[in-house]
Protein backbone atom coordinates (compact mmCIF):
# COMPACT_ATOMS: atom_id res chain seq x y z
CA MET A 1 0.09 -0.12 -0.25
CA VAL A 2 3.15 2.30 0.21
CA ALA A 3 3.63 3.21 -3.23
CA LYS A 4 7.46 3.46 -3.78
CA LEU A 5 7.73 0.62 -1.72
CA ARG A 6 4.94 -1.81 -3.92
CA GLU A 7 6.87 -0.46 -6.92
CA TRP A 8 10.20 -1.38 -5.63
CA PHE A 9 9.09 -5.09 -4.33
CA ASN A 10 7.21 -5.75 -7.64
CA SER A 11 10.11 -4.45 -9.93
CA HIS A 12 12.66 -7.52 -7.69
CA PHE A 13 10.58 -9.99 -7.51
CA THR A 14 11.12 -13.36 -9.32
CA PRO A 15 9.12 -16.58 -9.76
CA GLU A 16 12.40 -17.95 -8.41
CA LYS A 17 12.98 -16.25 -5.42
CA TYR A 18 8.75 -17.18 -4.56
CA THR A 19 9.68 -20.75 -5.12
CA ALA A 20 12.84 -20.80 -2.60
CA PHE A 21 10.62 -18.80 -0.25
CA LEU A 22 8.18 -21.49 -0.34
CA GLU A 23 10.50 -24.10 -0.17
CA GLU A 24 12.47 -22.56 3.14
CA LEU A 25 8.95 -22.04 4.79
CA ASP A 26 7.90 -25.36 4.51
CA SER A 27 11.29 -27.07 5.49
CA LYS A 28 10.91 -26.58 9.26
CA TYR A 29 7.56 -28.13 9.23
CA PRO A 30 7.47 -30.19 6.20
CA GLY A 31 4.08 -30.47 4.20
CA THR A 32 2.25 -28.79 7.18
CA ILE A 33 1.27 -25.75 4.97
CA GLU A 34 -2.01 -26.71 3.10
CA PHE A 35 -2.89 -22.96 2.38
CA ARG A 36 -1.59 -21.12 -0.18
CA VAL A 37 0.81 -18.62 0.46
CA ALA A 38 0.82 -15.38 -0.81
CA GLU A 39 3.68 -13.80 -3.15
CA THR A 40 4.05 -10.64 -0.95
CA PRO A 41 3.66 -9.18 2.53
CA ILE A 42 1.47 -5.96 2.65
CA LEU A 43 3.04 -2.92 3.18
CA VAL A 44 1.44 -0.76 5.52
CA ASP A 45 2.17 3.16 6.60
CA LYS A 46 1.71 4.97 9.91
CA ILE A 47 -1.43 7.00 9.09
CA PHE A 48 -3.33 3.79 8.27
CA THR A 49 -1.79 1.85 10.85
CA ASP A 50 -3.08 4.33 13.28
CA LYS A 51 -6.22 4.19 11.71
CA ILE A 52 -6.56 0.48 11.76
CA LEU A 53 -5.44 0.71 15.64
CA GLU A 54 -8.14 3.30 16.57
CA ALA A 55 -10.96 1.31 15.39
CA CYS A 56 -9.11 -1.61 17.22
CA GLU A 57 -9.06 0.60 20.70
CA SER A 58 -12.82 1.53 20.16
CA ILE A 59 -13.72 -2.00 20.17
CA VAL A 60 -11.62 -2.60 23.07
CA ASP A 61 -13.52 0.55 25.10
CA VAL A 62 -16.83 -1.38 24.73
CA ILE A 63 -15.37 -4.62 25.81
CA THR A 64 -13.79 -3.57 28.67
CA GLN A 65 -16.65 -1.74 29.68
CA PRO A 66 -18.68 -2.55 33.19
CA ASN A 67 -22.06 -3.47 31.24
CA PHE A 68 -20.43 -5.74 28.29
CA SER A 69 -21.16 -9.03 30.19
CA ALA A 70 -25.03 -7.86 30.14
CA LEU A 71 -25.04 -6.52 26.60
CA THR A 72 -23.75 -10.00 25.63
CA LYS A 73 -25.52 -12.09 27.91
CA ASN A 74 -27.48 -14.13 25.12
CA ALA A 75 -24.18 -14.34 22.80
CA VAL A 76 -23.76 -18.09 24.16
CA PRO A 77 -26.50 -20.24 22.78
CA ALA A 78 -28.33 -21.67 25.50
CA ASP A 79 -26.59 -25.21 24.95
CA LEU A 80 -23.48 -24.44 25.01
CA GLN A 81 -23.29 -22.80 28.61
CA MET A 82 -20.28 -23.73 30.07
CA PRO A 83 -18.92 -23.08 34.08
CA ASN A 84 -15.44 -21.99 35.10
CA ASN A 85 -16.14 -18.74 33.09
CA SER A 86 -13.31 -16.16 33.30
CA LYS A 87 -13.56 -12.44 33.67
CA TYR A 88 -11.67 -11.84 30.17
CA THR A 89 -10.42 -13.19 27.25
CA HIS A 90 -6.61 -13.82 27.04
CA PHE A 91 -7.31 -13.05 23.23
CA ILE A 92 -8.83 -11.35 20.16
CA ALA A 93 -8.58 -11.61 16.42
CA PHE A 94 -9.76 -8.50 14.75
CA ASP A 95 -10.35 -8.71 10.56
CA PHE A 96 -10.17 -5.62 9.03
CA GLY A 97 -10.61 -5.00 5.24
CA VAL A 98 -8.61 -2.75 3.06
CA CYS A 99 -11.22 -0.59 1.61
CA GLU A 100 -12.43 2.43 -0.50
CA ASN A 101 -14.81 4.69 0.85
CA GLU A 102 -17.52 6.80 -0.83
CA ALA A 103 -14.83 9.28 -1.62
CA GLY A 104 -12.46 6.96 -2.83
CA GLU A 105 -10.22 7.37 -0.15
CA ILE A 106 -8.49 4.04 1.39
CA GLU A 107 -9.24 2.93 4.93
CA PRO A 108 -9.86 -0.22 7.24
CA GLN A 109 -13.41 -1.43 7.52
CA LEU A 110 -14.11 -4.10 10.62
CA VAL A 111 -15.13 -7.02 9.31
CA GLU A 112 -15.40 -9.53 11.91
CA MET A 113 -13.48 -10.53 15.14
CA GLN A 114 -13.67 -13.17 17.29
CA GLY A 115 -12.25 -13.99 21.12
CA PHE A 116 -10.43 -16.84 19.98
CA PRO A 117 -6.80 -17.58 19.04
CA SER A 118 -5.61 -17.24 15.54
CA LEU A 119 -1.97 -18.47 13.93
CA PHE A 120 0.10 -16.82 16.69
CA ALA A 121 3.14 -18.69 16.46
CA TYR A 122 3.30 -19.52 12.62
CA GLN A 123 3.12 -16.09 12.12
CA VAL A 124 6.69 -15.80 13.79
CA TRP A 125 8.11 -18.06 11.32
CA HIS A 126 6.32 -16.70 8.43
CA ASP A 127 8.17 -13.38 9.29
CA GLU A 128 11.72 -14.59 9.90
CA VAL A 129 11.14 -16.53 6.22
CA THR A 130 9.94 -13.70 4.82
CA ARG A 131 12.56 -10.92 5.84
CA LYS A 132 15.30 -13.46 4.72
CA PHE A 133 13.75 -13.76 0.98
CA PHE A 134 12.48 -10.22 0.87
CA ASP A 135 13.86 -6.53 2.01
CA ILE A 136 11.45 -5.62 4.52
CA PRO A 137 12.58 -1.74 5.40
CA ASP A 138 13.79 -1.87 8.99
CA ASN A 139 11.54 0.70 10.35
CA TYR A 140 8.84 -1.90 9.13
CA SER A 141 7.73 -4.58 11.96
CA ALA A 142 4.49 -7.25 11.72
CA TYR A 143 5.06 -6.72 15.53
CA LEU A 144 2.87 -4.10 17.46
CA SER A 145 2.99 -2.10 21.03
CA GLY A 146 6.87 -2.26 20.37
CA LEU A 147 7.44 -5.59 20.51
CA ASN A 148 9.80 -7.69 18.61
CA LYS A 149 10.04 -11.76 18.33
CA GLU A 150 11.37 -12.34 21.59
CA SER A 151 9.27 -10.19 23.79
CA TYR A 152 6.17 -11.14 22.00
CA LEU A 153 7.08 -15.25 22.62
CA LYS A 154 7.68 -14.36 26.11
CA LEU A 155 4.52 -12.66 26.38
CA LEU A 156 2.35 -15.46 24.57
CA SER A 157 4.20 -17.97 26.57
CA ASP A 158 3.47 -16.03 29.73
CA ILE A 159 -0.38 -15.86 28.92
CA ILE A 160 -0.65 -19.64 28.03
CA LEU A 161 1.54 -21.02 30.75
CA ASP A 162 0.95 -18.96 33.24
CA ASP A 163 3.84 -20.13 35.31
CA CYS A 164 2.52 -23.69 35.15
CA PRO A 165 4.82 -26.24 34.35
CA LYS A 166 4.43 -27.02 30.25
CA GLU A 167 3.44 -31.00 30.60
CA HIS A 168 0.17 -29.79 32.21
CA VAL A 169 -0.64 -27.26 29.49
CA ILE A 170 -1.83 -28.53 26.26
CA LEU A 171 -3.33 -27.34 23.42
CA LEU A 172 -6.75 -28.91 22.01
CA ASP A 173 -8.27 -29.28 18.87
CA ILE A 174 -10.39 -32.02 16.68
CA PHE A 175 -8.17 -34.26 14.75
CA PRO A 176 -5.34 -31.57 14.80
CA GLU A 177 -3.23 -33.59 12.29
CA THR A 178 -5.59 -33.25 9.96
CA GLN A 179 -6.56 -29.23 10.46
CA LYS A 180 -5.19 -26.90 7.59
CA THR A 181 -3.68 -24.93 9.92
CA ARG A 182 -1.77 -27.35 11.75
CA ILE A 183 1.43 -25.41 11.31
CA ASP A 184 0.83 -23.21 14.00
CA PHE A 185 0.37 -26.50 16.01
CA TYR A 186 3.97 -27.64 15.62
CA ALA A 187 5.18 -24.16 15.64
CA THR A 188 3.48 -23.39 19.24
CA LYS A 189 5.56 -26.96 20.50
CA GLU A 190 8.79 -24.96 19.47
CA TYR A 191 8.14 -22.26 20.78
CA ILE A 192 6.40 -22.56 23.94
CA GLY A 193 6.92 -26.06 24.74
CA ILE A 194 3.37 -27.77 24.80
CA LYS A 195 2.05 -30.40 23.09
CA THR A 196 -1.40 -30.89 21.27
CA VAL A 197 -3.71 -33.01 22.00
CA CYS A 198 -6.96 -34.02 20.39
CA LEU A 199 -10.27 -34.01 21.96
CA THR A 200 -10.95 -37.93 21.42
CA LYS A 201 -7.76 -38.49 23.36
CA LEU A 202 -8.92 -36.90 26.70
CA ILE A 203 -8.84 -39.07 29.64
CA LYS A 204 -11.71 -37.96 32.22
CA GLU A 205 -11.72 -39.18 35.80
CA CYS A 206 -14.15 -37.59 38.15
CA ASN A 207 -13.73 -33.82 37.40
CA GLN A 208 -9.99 -33.85 36.02
CA LEU A 209 -8.57 -34.24 32.77
CA PHE A 210 -5.28 -36.01 31.87
CA TYR A 211 -3.80 -36.88 28.47
CA MET A 212 -0.66 -39.61 27.73
CA ASN A 213 2.34 -37.87 27.75
CA ASN A 214 4.85 -39.99 25.86
CA GLY A 215 2.96 -43.39 28.09
CA THR A 216 2.66 -41.46 30.90
CA LYS A 217 -0.67 -40.28 32.22
CA THR A 218 -0.53 -36.58 32.92
CA LEU A 219 -2.78 -34.55 34.11
CA ILE A 220 -3.87 -31.07 32.49
CA LYS A 221 -4.37 -27.97 34.48
CA ARG A 222 -4.58 -25.46 31.33
CA ILE A 223 -5.86 -25.72 28.16
CA TYR A 224 -4.79 -23.53 25.27
CA ASN A 225 -8.29 -23.93 23.48
CA ARG A 226 -8.20 -24.05 19.55
CA ILE A 227 -12.07 -26.33 19.18
CA ILE A 228 -14.56 -24.26 17.69
CA PHE A 229 -17.88 -25.45 18.68
CA ASP A 230 -19.36 -24.85 15.05
CA GLU A 231 -17.04 -27.50 14.07
CA LEU A 232 -17.50 -29.75 16.84
CA GLN A 233 -21.08 -29.96 16.24
CA GLN A 234 -20.69 -31.10 12.66
CA GLN A 235 -18.63 -34.29 13.69
CA SER A 236 -19.80 -37.46 14.08
CA GLN A 237 -22.40 -38.30 17.09
CA GLU A 238 -19.29 -40.15 18.99
CA VAL A 239 -17.09 -36.76 18.78
CA ARG A 240 -19.80 -34.84 19.74
CA GLU A 241 -20.70 -36.71 22.75
CA LYS A 242 -16.96 -36.76 23.66
CA GLY A 243 -17.10 -32.69 23.64
CA ASN A 244 -20.17 -33.09 26.02
CA LEU A 245 -17.09 -32.54 28.53
CA PHE A 246 -17.07 -29.06 27.97
CA LEU A 247 -20.29 -28.71 29.22
CA GLU A 248 -19.26 -30.37 32.82
CA ASP A 249 -17.40 -28.64 35.91
CA LEU A 250 -13.99 -29.46 35.30
CA ASP A 251 -10.82 -28.58 37.36
CA VAL A 252 -8.88 -26.96 34.47
CA GLU A 253 -8.33 -23.26 33.42
CA TRP A 254 -9.45 -22.36 29.75
CA VAL A 255 -7.37 -20.37 27.72
CA PRO A 256 -9.11 -18.63 26.49
CA HIS A 257 -12.82 -19.89 28.00
CA PRO A 258 -14.69 -21.14 24.75
CA LYS A 259 -17.39 -18.44 26.16
CA TRP A 260 -15.43 -15.77 24.39
CA PHE A 261 -15.63 -17.17 20.70
CA TYR A 262 -19.17 -16.23 21.27
CA LYS A 263 -19.09 -13.28 23.21
CA ILE A 264 -16.99 -11.15 21.19
CA SER A 265 -17.78 -12.09 17.72
CA LYS A 266 -20.40 -11.11 15.11
CA TYR A 267 -22.95 -10.69 18.05
CA THR A 268 -20.85 -7.71 19.49
CA LEU A 269 -21.19 -5.66 16.04
CA PRO A 270 -24.69 -4.11 16.51
CA PHE A 271 -22.78 -2.48 19.77
CA LEU A 272 -19.70 -0.84 18.21
CA ASN A 273 -20.18 2.66 16.68
CA HIS A 274 -17.26 4.05 15.02
CA PRO A 275 -16.65 5.21 11.22
CA TYR A 276 -14.38 1.91 10.72
CA ILE A 277 -16.77 -0.42 11.52
CA PRO A 278 -19.77 -0.97 9.20
CA LYS A 279 -23.52 -0.21 10.79
CA THR A 280 -24.95 -3.88 11.89
CA THR A 281 -28.19 -4.69 13.29
CA PHE A 282 -29.72 -7.63 14.85
CA LEU A 283 -32.00 -8.74 12.17
CA ASP A 284 -34.93 -8.91 14.60
CA GLU A 285 -34.42 -5.00 15.54
CA VAL A 286 -35.07 -4.47 11.68
CA LYS A 287 -37.92 -2.03 11.82
CA GLU A 288 -37.44 -1.30 7.90
CA ILE A 289 -35.94 -3.29 4.99
CA PRO A 290 -33.36 -0.20 3.53
CA ALA A 291 -34.11 0.49 0.56
CA ASP A 292 -30.51 -0.19 -0.80
CA LEU A 293 -30.43 -3.73 0.45
CA GLU A 294 -27.53 -4.45 -2.48
CA ASN A 295 -25.38 -2.75 0.18
CA TYR A 296 -25.67 -5.06 3.08
CA VAL A 297 -25.07 -8.49 3.68
CA LEU A 298 -26.99 -11.29 5.85
CA LYS A 299 -25.36 -13.24 8.48
CA PRO A 300 -26.03 -16.31 10.89
CA LEU A 301 -24.96 -15.07 14.33
CA PHE A 302 -23.55 -19.02 14.59
CA SER A 303 -21.72 -20.03 11.76
CA PHE A 304 -18.65 -21.65 10.76
CA ALA A 305 -15.98 -20.16 8.32
CA GLY A 306 -18.70 -17.94 6.70
CA GLN A 307 -21.39 -20.99 6.04
CA GLY A 308 -25.01 -19.50 5.69
CA VAL A 309 -23.61 -15.71 4.65
CA VAL A 310 -26.06 -14.10 1.84
CA ILE A 311 -23.83 -11.39 -0.08
CA ASP A 312 -26.40 -10.79 -2.40
CA VAL A 313 -29.24 -9.97 -0.02
CA THR A 314 -33.26 -9.71 -1.01
CA PRO A 315 -36.46 -9.19 0.79
CA GLU A 316 -37.17 -12.75 0.30
CA ASP A 317 -34.25 -13.92 1.89
CA ILE A 318 -34.75 -12.04 4.71
CA ALA A 319 -38.45 -12.86 4.73
CA ALA A 320 -37.51 -16.63 4.67
CA VAL A 321 -35.41 -16.26 8.30
CA LYS A 322 -36.98 -17.86 10.70
CA ASP A 323 -35.31 -17.23 13.84
CA PRO A 324 -34.34 -13.39 13.16
CA GLN A 325 -32.72 -12.44 16.48
CA ASN A 326 -30.06 -15.06 15.27
CA TRP A 327 -28.92 -13.37 12.44
CA ILE A 328 -27.69 -9.65 11.77
CA LEU A 329 -27.59 -7.08 8.61
CA GLN A 330 -24.58 -5.77 8.00
CA ARG A 331 -23.58 -2.53 5.84
CA LYS A 332 -21.27 -4.12 2.92
CA VAL A 333 -17.56 -2.53 2.84
CA LYS A 334 -15.97 -1.69 -0.40
CA TYR A 335 -12.84 -3.70 -0.92
CA ALA A 336 -9.89 -1.83 -2.84
CA ASP A 337 -7.91 -3.23 -5.69
CA VAL A 338 -5.17 -2.10 -3.55
CA ILE A 339 -1.96 -4.20 -3.47
CA LYS A 340 -0.56 -3.82 -7.31
CA THR A 341 0.75 -7.15 -8.83
CA PRO A 342 2.26 -8.57 -12.26
CA GLY A 343 -1.42 -9.41 -13.06
CA THR A 344 -4.86 -7.92 -11.60
CA PRO A 345 -4.46 -6.01 -8.50
CA ALA A 346 -5.20 -7.97 -5.18
CA LYS A 347 -7.67 -7.01 -2.49
CA ALA A 348 -6.40 -7.38 1.35
CA GLU A 349 -7.93 -7.95 4.82
CA ILE A 350 -5.58 -7.59 7.74
CA ARG A 351 -5.91 -9.73 11.28
CA ILE A 352 -5.15 -7.69 14.21
CA PHE A 353 -3.75 -10.39 17.11
CA TYR A 354 -4.66 -8.71 20.55
CA PHE A 355 -3.26 -10.27 23.74
CA TRP A 356 -4.47 -9.52 27.02
CA GLU A 357 -1.98 -9.77 29.63
CA LYS A 358 -3.06 -11.29 33.28
CA ASN A 359 -3.80 -8.52 35.55
CA ALA A 360 -3.52 -5.86 32.95
CA THR A 361 -6.42 -3.33 32.46
CA ARG A 362 -7.27 -4.10 28.79
CA PRO A 363 -4.95 -6.38 25.77
CA ILE A 364 -2.79 -5.06 23.42
CA PRO A 365 -1.89 -5.21 20.13
CA ALA A 366 0.75 -7.71 19.54
CA ASN A 367 0.89 -9.21 15.80
CA ASN A 368 -1.11 -9.71 12.85
CA LEU A 369 -1.71 -12.31 9.48
CA ALA A 370 -3.10 -10.90 6.24
CA ARG A 371 -4.79 -12.15 3.22
CA LEU A 372 -5.05 -11.33 0.04
CA SER A 373 -7.71 -12.34 -2.82
CA LYS A 374 -8.71 -11.44 -6.13
CA GLY A 375 -12.46 -12.91 -5.69
CA LYS A 376 -15.61 -11.56 -4.54
CA MET A 377 -14.78 -12.70 -1.00
CA ILE A 378 -11.50 -13.41 1.05
CA GLY A 379 -11.13 -17.00 1.14
CA VAL A 380 -9.83 -20.01 -0.88
CA ARG A 381 -13.11 -20.87 -2.79
CA TYR A 382 -12.98 -17.45 -4.43
CA ASN A 383 -9.33 -17.75 -5.10
CA ALA A 384 -8.97 -21.19 -6.97
CA ASP A 385 -5.96 -20.92 -9.83
CA LYS A 386 -5.37 -17.23 -8.99
CA ASP A 387 -1.77 -15.57 -8.01
CA TRP A 388 -0.65 -13.21 -5.81
CA VAL A 389 -3.44 -14.20 -3.37
CA GLY A 390 -3.64 -16.45 0.14
CA GLY A 391 -2.10 -15.98 3.42
CA SER A 392 0.49 -13.50 4.34
CA LEU A 393 1.40 -10.61 6.75
CA ALA A 394 1.33 -6.89 7.17
CA TYR A 395 4.53 -4.86 7.98
CA PHE A 396 3.30 -1.56 9.82
CA GLU A 397 5.46 1.41 9.89
CA ARG A 398 6.89 2.67 13.08
């Protein structure tokens, strides 16, 4: 997005360099990257950086206000109410599209957010390899809040472990060896020192959980949770029944507690008011269908990986919704064709990682990932057979 740097990057890009970059990226954990990695990072100037962080901080203001729990009391589905709630989420991910407003100006627009982890560890490796193969200016960093690799990993480790011995802390997911983002599990083990365990391998005795650690049954005290309940509900009956242990009063600490996946989510959007956050309304509170309905998108509150989203909304779509309290009507944003490439320009989305340290009054921005697209939406299904698209990261001007 910085014109001179983009021109320089593109003029020095070669397919051979990109191939070598991918080989290096795959070398540490061979065969674990199943998603497409883009040919370029995003270079973000300080003005845009300040805009995106201003929007994030406005959301944090809402999340930290005393009545947030009351505002989101209906965010968690009734059949997923869990004990052992925590007072705050350890992690938040804010997704912003790089958009064009009505005046033709480039600005961030919030697309979605989640009180849930992202590729926190893998992005450390991604940054290292990117800097090795592409000349990123020294005054640009993927890290935020003045963090670097060492301080970022210490903060991440402190939050996940909280002084608990590593053998008693696990990363939990469903069939982790098949997850497309499993490279992050390997990176987490390397950088943080905890093992990944499948939900189906948990051992429950009374109100305690155990796992087999090199043949030894080991007590679990903290769970770095990577299970998305929407995905769990799509599993076999046997796996879903195993997941019922989440609803029990277990002697375990969650990092973060699963409730935050719902509380800080699409459900929160109607409570936000900021120029970089599109107007969003619970569907059951829409008094009159907008005359310019083509400028809105209809989204289910409880869905996995964008399923159920209606992009080209019609009055018939709205009338067909049987549970409008579980849907939102959100004003569309216009992604800008902002990344110049050798072919058609690409759109961009930036995810800002926020970490909430123990005893801190609010979380801080820590790192990021990015995604490039040339399709109608961000995502693999819309970018098949395209180049200069896929997973990436942003470098922010310091």
